Amino acid sequence: LIKKSVELEKKYALDACPKGIVGINAEQFSEYVEYVADRRLERIGLPKIYFTLNPFP
């Protein structure tokens, strides 16, 4: 479920903002989506899937 959600959110972002938005490019947005997914998994006691760092420290 999480993997599919991440995939759909990334596709939506590329469709909605193919050139990115001010301060965020498509790659950074994808990394952020993965980072948030991992945090959500950890909060419910499941292991990370992506191990992606926050691109916006």
Protein backbone atom coordinates (compact mmCIF):
# COMPACT_ATOMS: atom_id res chain seq x y z
CA LEU A 1 0.00 0.00 0.00
CA ILE A 2 2.78 2.45 0.89
CA LYS A 3 4.79 1.62 -2.24
CA LYS A 4 1.76 2.21 -4.46
CA SER A 5 0.97 5.47 -2.66
CA VAL A 6 4.52 6.73 -3.19
CA GLU A 7 4.42 5.76 -6.86
CA LEU A 8 1.11 7.58 -7.39
CA GLU A 9 2.23 10.69 -5.52
CA LYS A 10 5.41 10.91 -7.60
CA LYS A 11 3.42 10.56 -10.84
CA TYR A 12 0.97 13.21 -9.69
CA ALA A 13 3.78 15.64 -8.89
CA LEU A 14 5.36 15.14 -12.31
CA ASP A 15 2.01 15.65 -14.03
CA ALA A 16 1.08 18.70 -11.96
CA CYS A 17 4.51 20.40 -12.01
CA PRO A 18 6.72 18.80 -14.69
CA LYS A 19 9.35 21.53 -14.31
CA GLY A 20 9.11 21.62 -10.53
CA ILE A 21 8.11 24.63 -8.48
CA VAL A 22 10.15 27.43 -6.98
CA GLY A 23 12.88 25.85 -4.87
CA ILE A 24 11.89 22.22 -5.52
CA ASN A 25 12.71 20.14 -8.56
CA ALA A 26 11.12 16.81 -9.46
CA GLU A 27 14.00 14.76 -8.04
CA GLN A 28 13.87 16.56 -4.69
CA PHE A 29 10.12 16.10 -4.52
CA SER A 30 10.48 12.36 -5.20
CA GLU A 31 13.09 12.07 -2.46
CA TYR A 32 10.85 13.93 -0.05
CA VAL A 33 7.89 11.66 -0.78
CA GLU A 34 10.09 8.60 -0.07
CA TYR A 35 11.44 10.20 3.10
CA VAL A 36 7.93 10.93 4.40
CA ALA A 37 6.79 7.40 3.54
CA ASP A 38 9.65 5.94 5.58
CA ARG A 39 8.77 8.17 8.53
CA ARG A 40 5.16 7.06 8.39
CA LEU A 41 6.18 3.41 8.26
CA GLU A 42 8.42 3.86 11.31
CA ARG A 43 5.61 5.56 13.26
CA ILE A 44 3.41 2.51 12.86
CA GLY A 45 6.21 0.12 13.77
CA LEU A 46 7.19 -1.06 10.28
CA PRO A 47 10.66 -0.99 8.70
CA LYS A 48 11.75 1.66 6.22
CA ILE A 49 11.56 0.86 2.51
CA TYR A 50 13.47 3.69 0.84
CA PHE A 51 16.12 4.88 3.33
CA THR A 52 16.02 8.28 1.62
CA LEU A 53 17.36 11.31 3.46
CA ASN A 54 15.33 14.48 3.78
CA PRO A 55 16.37 16.64 0.81
CA PHE A 56 15.36 19.74 2.80
CA PRO A 57 17.33 19.55 6.05
